[in-house]
Amino acid sequence: MKALDEVGQVNDMIRLIVDMRAKLVTELSSLPIVQHIYPSDANFLLVKVNDARGIYNYLLEKGIVVRDRSKVELCEGCLRITVGTEKENSDLIKNLRAIL
């Protein structure tokens, strides 16, 4: 009910997430470890990568939590990455670049 009372604020948050998702797609697309980014209208991306398990473990060691979906049927080799804050997304990309 509170969200309905503050529709303007909710819409601003949605716009911010959409913008951050688009920037994240652009950044991820530039990485050679990324094979495919599936279209998304949600606050997360499903990203097919070269070594999902290895990347998942590396990011976890760095304190970055993503979801390993590589053992889920039709999601083989994929990580589910939630759209975070600008800093969180930047840290993610920086750490993914460090793998290269």
N, C-alpha and C. Protein backbone atom coordinates (compact mmCIF):
# COMPACT_ATOMS: atom_id res chain seq x y z
N MET A 1 0.82 -1.19 0.00
CA MET A 1 0.00 0.00 0.00
C MET A 1 0.87 1.26 0.00
N LYS A 2 1.97 1.19 0.74
CA LYS A 2 2.86 2.35 0.80
C LYS A 2 3.41 2.67 -0.59
N ALA A 3 3.76 1.63 -1.35
CA ALA A 3 4.28 1.84 -2.71
C ALA A 3 3.26 2.54 -3.58
N LEU A 4 1.99 2.20 -3.40
CA LEU A 4 0.94 2.84 -4.19
C LEU A 4 0.81 4.31 -3.83
N ASP A 5 1.10 4.65 -2.59
CA ASP A 5 1.06 6.05 -2.17
C ASP A 5 2.22 6.86 -2.72
N GLU A 6 3.29 6.17 -3.09
CA GLU A 6 4.49 6.86 -3.56
C GLU A 6 4.88 6.36 -4.96
N VAL A 7 3.94 6.40 -5.86
CA VAL A 7 4.14 5.91 -7.22
C VAL A 7 5.30 6.62 -7.90
N GLY A 8 5.44 7.90 -7.70
CA GLY A 8 6.54 8.65 -8.32
C GLY A 8 7.89 8.13 -7.89
N GLN A 9 8.04 7.85 -6.61
CA GLN A 9 9.30 7.33 -6.10
C GLN A 9 9.56 5.92 -6.65
N VAL A 10 8.55 5.10 -6.70
CA VAL A 10 8.68 3.74 -7.25
C VAL A 10 9.09 3.81 -8.72
N ASN A 11 8.46 4.70 -9.48
CA ASN A 11 8.81 4.85 -10.90
C ASN A 11 10.25 5.32 -11.07
N ASP A 12 10.71 6.20 -10.19
CA ASP A 12 12.10 6.64 -10.24
C ASP A 12 13.05 5.47 -9.99
N MET A 13 12.70 4.62 -9.03
CA MET A 13 13.53 3.46 -8.73
C MET A 13 13.56 2.50 -9.92
N ILE A 14 12.43 2.32 -10.56
CA ILE A 14 12.37 1.44 -11.73
C ILE A 14 13.24 1.99 -12.86
N ARG A 15 13.14 3.29 -13.10
CA ARG A 15 13.97 3.92 -14.14
C ARG A 15 15.46 3.74 -13.84
N LEU A 16 15.83 3.89 -12.57
CA LEU A 16 17.23 3.74 -12.18
C LEU A 16 17.70 2.31 -12.42
N ILE A 17 16.89 1.33 -12.06
CA ILE A 17 17.26 -0.07 -12.27
C ILE A 17 17.40 -0.37 -13.77
N VAL A 18 16.48 0.15 -14.57
CA VAL A 18 16.54 -0.06 -16.02
C VAL A 18 17.81 0.55 -16.59
N ASP A 19 18.15 1.76 -16.16
CA ASP A 19 19.39 2.41 -16.62
C ASP A 19 20.62 1.63 -16.20
N MET A 20 20.65 1.19 -14.94
CA MET A 20 21.79 0.44 -14.43
C MET A 20 21.91 -0.91 -15.15
N ARG A 21 20.78 -1.53 -15.46
CA ARG A 21 20.80 -2.80 -16.18
C ARG A 21 21.40 -2.60 -17.58
N ALA A 22 21.00 -1.54 -18.25
CA ALA A 22 21.53 -1.26 -19.60
C ALA A 22 23.04 -1.02 -19.55
N LYS A 23 23.51 -0.28 -18.56
CA LYS A 23 24.96 -0.04 -18.43
C LYS A 23 25.69 -1.34 -18.14
N LEU A 24 25.10 -2.17 -17.30
CA LEU A 24 25.72 -3.45 -16.96
C LEU A 24 25.81 -4.34 -18.20
N VAL A 25 24.78 -4.36 -19.01
CA VAL A 25 24.80 -5.13 -20.25
C VAL A 25 25.94 -4.65 -21.15
N THR A 26 26.08 -3.35 -21.29
CA THR A 26 27.15 -2.79 -22.12
C THR A 26 28.52 -3.21 -21.61
N GLU A 27 28.72 -3.08 -20.31
CA GLU A 27 30.02 -3.44 -19.72
C GLU A 27 30.29 -4.95 -19.86
N LEU A 28 29.30 -5.77 -19.55
CA LEU A 28 29.48 -7.21 -19.65
C LEU A 28 29.75 -7.65 -21.09
N SER A 29 29.08 -7.00 -22.03
CA SER A 29 29.25 -7.36 -23.45
C SER A 29 30.67 -7.16 -23.94
N SER A 30 31.41 -6.29 -23.29
CA SER A 30 32.78 -6.00 -23.72
C SER A 30 33.79 -7.02 -23.20
N LEU A 31 33.35 -7.94 -22.35
CA LEU A 31 34.27 -8.91 -21.75
C LEU A 31 34.33 -10.18 -22.58
N PRO A 32 35.54 -10.64 -22.91
CA PRO A 32 35.66 -11.85 -23.72
C PRO A 32 35.17 -13.12 -23.02
N ILE A 33 35.04 -13.12 -21.70
CA ILE A 33 34.55 -14.30 -20.98
C ILE A 33 33.04 -14.45 -21.10
N VAL A 34 32.37 -13.41 -21.58
CA VAL A 34 30.91 -13.43 -21.71
C VAL A 34 30.55 -13.92 -23.11
N GLN A 35 29.78 -15.01 -23.16
CA GLN A 35 29.35 -15.58 -24.43
C GLN A 35 28.01 -15.02 -24.89
N HIS A 36 27.11 -14.80 -23.93
CA HIS A 36 25.77 -14.34 -24.29
C HIS A 36 25.09 -13.72 -23.07
N ILE A 37 24.34 -12.66 -23.31
CA ILE A 37 23.51 -12.06 -22.27
C ILE A 37 22.08 -12.17 -22.74
N TYR A 38 21.28 -12.89 -21.99
CA TYR A 38 19.89 -13.10 -22.38
C TYR A 38 19.07 -11.84 -22.10
N PRO A 39 18.10 -11.53 -22.95
CA PRO A 39 17.26 -10.35 -22.73
C PRO A 39 16.55 -10.44 -21.37
N SER A 40 16.38 -9.29 -20.74
CA SER A 40 15.78 -9.27 -19.42
C SER A 40 14.94 -8.02 -19.23
N ASP A 41 13.80 -8.20 -18.61
CA ASP A 41 12.97 -7.08 -18.16
C ASP A 41 12.94 -7.03 -16.64
N ALA A 42 13.81 -7.81 -16.01
CA ALA A 42 13.83 -7.92 -14.55
C ALA A 42 15.01 -7.13 -13.98
N ASN A 43 15.23 -7.29 -12.68
CA ASN A 43 16.35 -6.61 -12.03
C ASN A 43 17.59 -7.51 -11.98
N PHE A 44 17.64 -8.47 -12.89
CA PHE A 44 18.81 -9.34 -12.98
C PHE A 44 19.05 -9.71 -14.44
N LEU A 45 20.26 -10.23 -14.69
CA LEU A 45 20.64 -10.69 -16.02
C LEU A 45 21.07 -12.14 -15.94
N LEU A 46 20.75 -12.91 -16.94
CA LEU A 46 21.26 -14.26 -17.08
C LEU A 46 22.37 -14.18 -18.12
N VAL A 47 23.59 -14.53 -17.68
CA VAL A 47 24.77 -14.32 -18.50
C VAL A 47 25.51 -15.65 -18.70
N LYS A 48 25.68 -16.04 -19.95
CA LYS A 48 26.44 -17.25 -20.26
C LYS A 48 27.91 -16.86 -20.35
N VAL A 49 28.73 -17.57 -19.58
CA VAL A 49 30.16 -17.26 -19.51
C VAL A 49 30.99 -18.51 -19.78
N ASN A 50 32.29 -18.32 -19.99
CA ASN A 50 33.18 -19.43 -20.32
C ASN A 50 33.29 -20.46 -19.20
N ASP A 51 33.43 -20.04 -17.98
CA ASP A 51 33.64 -20.95 -16.85
C ASP A 51 32.78 -20.48 -15.69
N ALA A 52 31.50 -20.80 -15.74
CA ALA A 52 30.55 -20.29 -14.75
C ALA A 52 30.96 -20.64 -13.33
N ARG A 53 31.32 -21.89 -13.09
CA ARG A 53 31.67 -22.32 -11.73
C ARG A 53 32.92 -21.61 -11.24
N GLY A 54 33.93 -21.52 -12.10
CA GLY A 54 35.17 -20.85 -11.72
C GLY A 54 34.95 -19.37 -11.44
N ILE A 55 34.19 -18.71 -12.28
CA ILE A 55 33.91 -17.28 -12.10
C ILE A 55 33.08 -17.07 -10.84
N TYR A 56 32.10 -17.93 -10.63
CA TYR A 56 31.27 -17.86 -9.42
C TYR A 56 32.15 -17.93 -8.17
N ASN A 57 33.04 -18.93 -8.12
CA ASN A 57 33.91 -19.10 -6.95
C ASN A 57 34.84 -17.91 -6.77
N TYR A 58 35.39 -17.40 -7.87
CA TYR A 58 36.28 -16.24 -7.80
C TYR A 58 35.55 -15.02 -7.23
N LEU A 59 34.36 -14.75 -7.76
CA LEU A 59 33.59 -13.60 -7.29
C LEU A 59 33.20 -13.76 -5.83
N LEU A 60 32.85 -14.96 -5.44
CA LEU A 60 32.48 -15.22 -4.04
C LEU A 60 33.65 -14.92 -3.11
N GLU A 61 34.85 -15.31 -3.52
CA GLU A 61 36.05 -15.00 -2.73
C GLU A 61 36.25 -13.49 -2.59
N LYS A 62 35.81 -12.74 -3.56
CA LYS A 62 35.94 -11.27 -3.54
C LYS A 62 34.76 -10.60 -2.83
N GLY A 63 33.83 -11.40 -2.32
CA GLY A 63 32.68 -10.84 -1.61
C GLY A 63 31.55 -10.42 -2.52
N ILE A 64 31.57 -10.87 -3.77
CA ILE A 64 30.52 -10.53 -4.73
C ILE A 64 29.67 -11.77 -4.94
N VAL A 65 28.39 -11.66 -4.62
CA VAL A 65 27.50 -12.80 -4.69
C VAL A 65 26.66 -12.74 -5.96
N VAL A 66 26.82 -13.75 -6.78
CA VAL A 66 25.98 -13.98 -7.96
C VAL A 66 25.42 -15.39 -7.79
N ARG A 67 24.52 -15.78 -8.66
CA ARG A 67 23.95 -17.13 -8.57
C ARG A 67 24.47 -17.98 -9.72
N ASP A 68 25.01 -19.14 -9.36
CA ASP A 68 25.47 -20.08 -10.36
C ASP A 68 24.27 -20.89 -10.84
N ARG A 69 23.89 -20.71 -12.08
CA ARG A 69 22.77 -21.44 -12.65
C ARG A 69 23.24 -22.47 -13.68
N SER A 70 24.53 -22.76 -13.67
CA SER A 70 25.11 -23.62 -14.70
C SER A 70 24.60 -25.06 -14.67
N LYS A 71 24.04 -25.50 -13.56
CA LYS A 71 23.51 -26.86 -13.48
C LYS A 71 22.00 -26.92 -13.69
N VAL A 72 21.38 -25.78 -13.94
CA VAL A 72 19.95 -25.72 -14.19
C VAL A 72 19.70 -25.97 -15.68
N GLU A 73 18.75 -26.84 -15.97
CA GLU A 73 18.44 -27.15 -17.36
C GLU A 73 18.14 -25.88 -18.15
N LEU A 74 18.73 -25.76 -19.31
CA LEU A 74 18.63 -24.63 -20.24
C LEU A 74 19.41 -23.39 -19.77
N CYS A 75 20.09 -23.49 -18.64
CA CYS A 75 20.91 -22.38 -18.15
C CYS A 75 22.37 -22.80 -18.01
N GLU A 76 22.75 -23.87 -18.67
CA GLU A 76 24.10 -24.39 -18.58
C GLU A 76 25.12 -23.28 -18.87
N GLY A 77 26.11 -23.16 -18.00
CA GLY A 77 27.16 -22.17 -18.20
C GLY A 77 26.76 -20.75 -17.86
N CYS A 78 25.65 -20.58 -17.14
CA CYS A 78 25.14 -19.23 -16.88
C CYS A 78 25.25 -18.81 -15.41
N LEU A 79 25.44 -17.53 -15.24
CA LEU A 79 25.36 -16.89 -13.95
C LEU A 79 24.18 -15.93 -13.96
N ARG A 80 23.50 -15.84 -12.83
CA ARG A 80 22.41 -14.88 -12.68
C ARG A 80 22.98 -13.72 -11.87
N ILE A 81 23.01 -12.57 -12.49
CA ILE A 81 23.63 -11.38 -11.88
C ILE A 81 22.55 -10.35 -11.62
N THR A 82 22.38 -10.02 -10.34
CA THR A 82 21.40 -9.00 -9.97
C THR A 82 21.98 -7.62 -10.24
N VAL A 83 21.17 -6.73 -10.77
CA VAL A 83 21.57 -5.36 -11.00
C VAL A 83 21.71 -4.68 -9.64
N GLY A 84 22.91 -4.20 -9.36
CA GLY A 84 23.17 -3.57 -8.08
C GLY A 84 23.26 -2.06 -8.19
N THR A 85 23.88 -1.48 -7.19
CA THR A 85 24.14 -0.04 -7.22
C THR A 85 25.26 0.23 -8.23
N GLU A 86 25.50 1.47 -8.52
CA GLU A 86 26.57 1.81 -9.45
C GLU A 86 27.91 1.27 -8.95
N LYS A 87 28.18 1.40 -7.66
CA LYS A 87 29.43 0.90 -7.09
C LYS A 87 29.49 -0.62 -7.15
N GLU A 88 28.41 -1.29 -6.81
CA GLU A 88 28.39 -2.76 -6.85
C GLU A 88 28.63 -3.26 -8.27
N ASN A 89 27.98 -2.64 -9.23
CA ASN A 89 28.17 -3.04 -10.63
C ASN A 89 29.59 -2.77 -11.09
N SER A 90 30.14 -1.65 -10.68
CA SER A 90 31.51 -1.30 -11.02
C SER A 90 32.50 -2.30 -10.42
N ASP A 91 32.28 -2.68 -9.16
CA ASP A 91 33.14 -3.68 -8.51
C ASP A 91 33.05 -5.02 -9.23
N LEU A 92 31.86 -5.40 -9.64
CA LEU A 92 31.67 -6.64 -10.38
C LEU A 92 32.50 -6.62 -11.67
N ILE A 93 32.34 -5.57 -12.45
CA ILE A 93 33.06 -5.47 -13.73
C ILE A 93 34.57 -5.44 -13.50
N LYS A 94 35.01 -4.69 -12.51
CA LYS A 94 36.45 -4.61 -12.20
C LYS A 94 36.99 -6.00 -11.88
N ASN A 95 36.26 -6.76 -11.09
CA ASN A 95 36.72 -8.10 -10.73
C ASN A 95 36.65 -9.08 -11.90
N LEU A 96 35.65 -8.93 -12.75
CA LEU A 96 35.58 -9.78 -13.94
C LEU A 96 36.73 -9.48 -14.89
N ARG A 97 37.10 -8.22 -15.00
CA ARG A 97 38.25 -7.84 -15.84
C ARG A 97 39.55 -8.41 -15.28
N ALA A 98 39.63 -8.51 -13.97
CA ALA A 98 40.84 -9.04 -13.32
C ALA A 98 41.05 -10.52 -13.66
N ILE A 99 39.97 -11.23 -14.00
CA ILE A 99 40.08 -12.63 -14.37
C ILE A 99 40.84 -12.77 -15.69
N LEU A 100 40.65 -11.78 -16.56
CA LEU A 100 41.28 -11.84 -17.88
C LEU A 100 42.77 -11.76 -17.70
